[in-house]
Structures are given as C-alpha cells and as structure tokens.
Amino acid sequence: HFIAIQVNGDSEPALVKKHRVPGYPESRFLDGQQAQVFQFFGFYEPPAFMVLLQYVKTESYRTMDAMQFYKSLSAK
C-alpha cells in the first residue's frame, strides 16, 4: 500500500524546494498522481506511526482528521 523513501534534504535541495519541506523529520503521503494527501512532522513511536499508516491506507483522511480517526479506533 506504500512506497517508502527517505530523502536527505541536504543532497536533494530541488526536491525539498518542490515540496516546500519546512523542516525535519517530516512524513508525507502522496497519492498515485503525486498529490499530497497527508503529512505530519516530528518523530512518532512505532505504535503511533502504525495508526497514521492505517489512517492513510483506509483513506480516512477524506472524511476526518487524524485525531478523529484515532478516537474512532479507541471507541471500538
């Protein structure tokens, strides 16, 4: 469901400029047409990162923000 890449902003300044990366670390999710669907900043521990992956994989970003998604999981 995902293709992960890591970019070193110091060696890829054109990519940083194109995507207007404000700082590091940053995680960004793009759709098949390279349109951004979700991004977040900072480091997340693996369990929290997995919730964000679920959020993107289920396309829940289309109907709710990430915190609403997280709360919906804990309500189950």
C-alpha atoms as a PDB file:
ATOM      1  CA  HIS A   1       0.000   0.000   0.000  1.00  0.00           C
ATOM      2  CA  PHE A   2       3.008   2.280   0.425  1.00  0.00           C
ATOM      3  CA  ILE A   3       6.342   3.009  -1.157  1.00  0.00           C
ATOM      4  CA  ALA A   4       8.653   4.486   1.447  1.00  0.00           C
ATOM      5  CA  ILE A   5      11.553   6.712   0.524  1.00  0.00           C
ATOM      6  CA  GLN A   6      13.996   8.632   2.635  1.00  0.00           C
ATOM      7  CA  VAL A   7      15.359  11.869   1.292  1.00  0.00           C
ATOM      8  CA  ASN A   8      18.404  13.707   2.558  1.00  0.00           C
ATOM      9  CA  GLY A   9      17.383  17.327   2.121  1.00  0.00           C
ATOM     10  CA  ASP A  10      20.996  18.496   2.006  1.00  0.00           C
ATOM     11  CA  SER A  11      21.716  16.404  -1.077  1.00  0.00           C
ATOM     12  CA  GLU A  12      18.279  16.871  -2.715  1.00  0.00           C
ATOM     13  CA  PRO A  13      17.566  20.620  -2.449  1.00  0.00           C
ATOM     14  CA  ALA A  14      15.389  20.669  -5.590  1.00  0.00           C
ATOM     15  CA  LEU A  15      13.050  18.055  -4.096  1.00  0.00           C
ATOM     16  CA  VAL A  16      12.904  19.943  -0.788  1.00  0.00           C
ATOM     17  CA  LYS A  17      12.032  23.129  -2.660  1.00  0.00           C
ATOM     18  CA  LYS A  18       9.439  21.440  -4.895  1.00  0.00           C
ATOM     19  CA  HIS A  19       7.578  20.003  -1.898  1.00  0.00           C
ATOM     20  CA  ARG A  20       8.214  23.023   0.368  1.00  0.00           C
ATOM     21  CA  VAL A  21       9.613  20.933   3.206  1.00  0.00           C
ATOM     22  CA  PRO A  22       9.675  23.205   6.271  1.00  0.00           C
ATOM     23  CA  GLY A  23      11.883  21.036   8.483  1.00  0.00           C
ATOM     24  CA  TYR A  24      12.916  17.568   9.568  1.00  0.00           C
ATOM     25  CA  PRO A  25      11.773  14.965  10.315  1.00  0.00           C
ATOM     26  CA  GLU A  26       8.679  15.128   8.168  1.00  0.00           C
ATOM     27  CA  SER A  27       6.492  12.339   6.799  1.00  0.00           C
ATOM     28  CA  ARG A  28       4.373  12.978   3.756  1.00  0.00           C
ATOM     29  CA  PHE A  29       1.916  10.786   1.891  1.00  0.00           C
ATOM     30  CA  LEU A  30       1.174  11.304  -1.798  1.00  0.00           C
ATOM     31  CA  ASP A  31      -1.436   9.632  -3.965  1.00  0.00           C
ATOM     32  CA  GLY A  32      -0.762   7.975  -7.316  1.00  0.00           C
ATOM     33  CA  GLN A  33      -0.746  11.368  -9.032  1.00  0.00           C
ATOM     34  CA  GLN A  34       1.793  12.717  -6.505  1.00  0.00           C
ATOM     35  CA  ALA A  35      -0.787  14.981  -4.852  1.00  0.00           C
ATOM     36  CA  GLN A  36      -0.264  15.295  -1.118  1.00  0.00           C
ATOM     37  CA  VAL A  37      -2.965  13.623   0.968  1.00  0.00           C
ATOM     38  CA  PHE A  38      -1.451  13.859   4.465  1.00  0.00           C
ATOM     39  CA  GLN A  39       1.690  14.999   6.234  1.00  0.00           C
ATOM     40  CA  PHE A  40       2.972  15.191   9.772  1.00  0.00           C
ATOM     41  CA  PHE A  41       6.066  16.463  11.486  1.00  0.00           C
ATOM     42  CA  GLY A  42       8.341  15.014  14.100  1.00  0.00           C
ATOM     43  CA  PHE A  43       9.216  11.528  15.255  1.00  0.00           C
ATOM     44  CA  TYR A  44       6.457   9.070  16.176  1.00  0.00           C
ATOM     45  CA  GLU A  45       6.970   5.824  18.060  1.00  0.00           C
ATOM     46  CA  PRO A  46       6.045   2.720  16.004  1.00  0.00           C
ATOM     47  CA  PRO A  47       2.539   2.176  17.514  1.00  0.00           C
ATOM     48  CA  ALA A  48       1.536   5.774  16.775  1.00  0.00           C
ATOM     49  CA  PHE A  49       3.094   5.607  13.310  1.00  0.00           C
ATOM     50  CA  MET A  50       1.061   2.460  12.583  1.00  0.00           C
ATOM     51  CA  VAL A  51      -2.148   4.364  13.413  1.00  0.00           C
ATOM     52  CA  LEU A  52      -1.147   7.059  10.915  1.00  0.00           C
ATOM     53  CA  LEU A  53      -0.433   4.411   8.267  1.00  0.00           C
ATOM     54  CA  GLN A  54      -3.909   2.948   8.871  1.00  0.00           C
ATOM     55  CA  TYR A  55      -5.372   6.436   8.586  1.00  0.00           C
ATOM     56  CA  VAL A  56      -3.841   6.880   5.139  1.00  0.00           C
ATOM     57  CA  LYS A  57      -4.388   3.285   3.947  1.00  0.00           C
ATOM     58  CA  THR A  58      -8.111   3.423   4.753  1.00  0.00           C
ATOM     59  CA  GLU A  59      -8.351   6.859   3.105  1.00  0.00           C
ATOM     60  CA  SER A  60      -9.935   8.167   6.296  1.00  0.00           C
ATOM     61  CA  TYR A  61      -8.206  11.500   5.614  1.00  0.00           C
ATOM     62  CA  ARG A  62     -11.028  12.100   3.139  1.00  0.00           C
ATOM     63  CA  THR A  63     -13.682  12.223   5.871  1.00  0.00           C
ATOM     64  CA  MET A  64     -11.972  13.051   9.185  1.00  0.00           C
ATOM     65  CA  ASP A  65      -8.812  14.447  10.673  1.00  0.00           C
ATOM     66  CA  ALA A  66      -6.188  12.168  12.195  1.00  0.00           C
ATOM     67  CA  MET A  67      -7.292  12.781  15.798  1.00  0.00           C
ATOM     68  CA  GLN A  68     -10.900  11.858  14.957  1.00  0.00           C
ATOM     69  CA  PHE A  69      -9.600   8.657  13.354  1.00  0.00           C
ATOM     70  CA  TYR A  70      -7.545   7.825  16.443  1.00  0.00           C
ATOM     71  CA  LYS A  71     -10.539   8.416  18.716  1.00  0.00           C
ATOM     72  CA  SER A  72     -12.712   6.227  16.491  1.00  0.00           C
ATOM     73  CA  LEU A  73     -10.252   3.350  16.976  1.00  0.00           C
ATOM     74  CA  SER A  74     -10.282   3.649  20.752  1.00  0.00           C
ATOM     75  CA  ALA A  75     -14.100   3.753  20.746  1.00  0.00           C
ATOM     76  CA  LYS A  76     -14.240   0.246  19.255  1.00  0.00           C
END
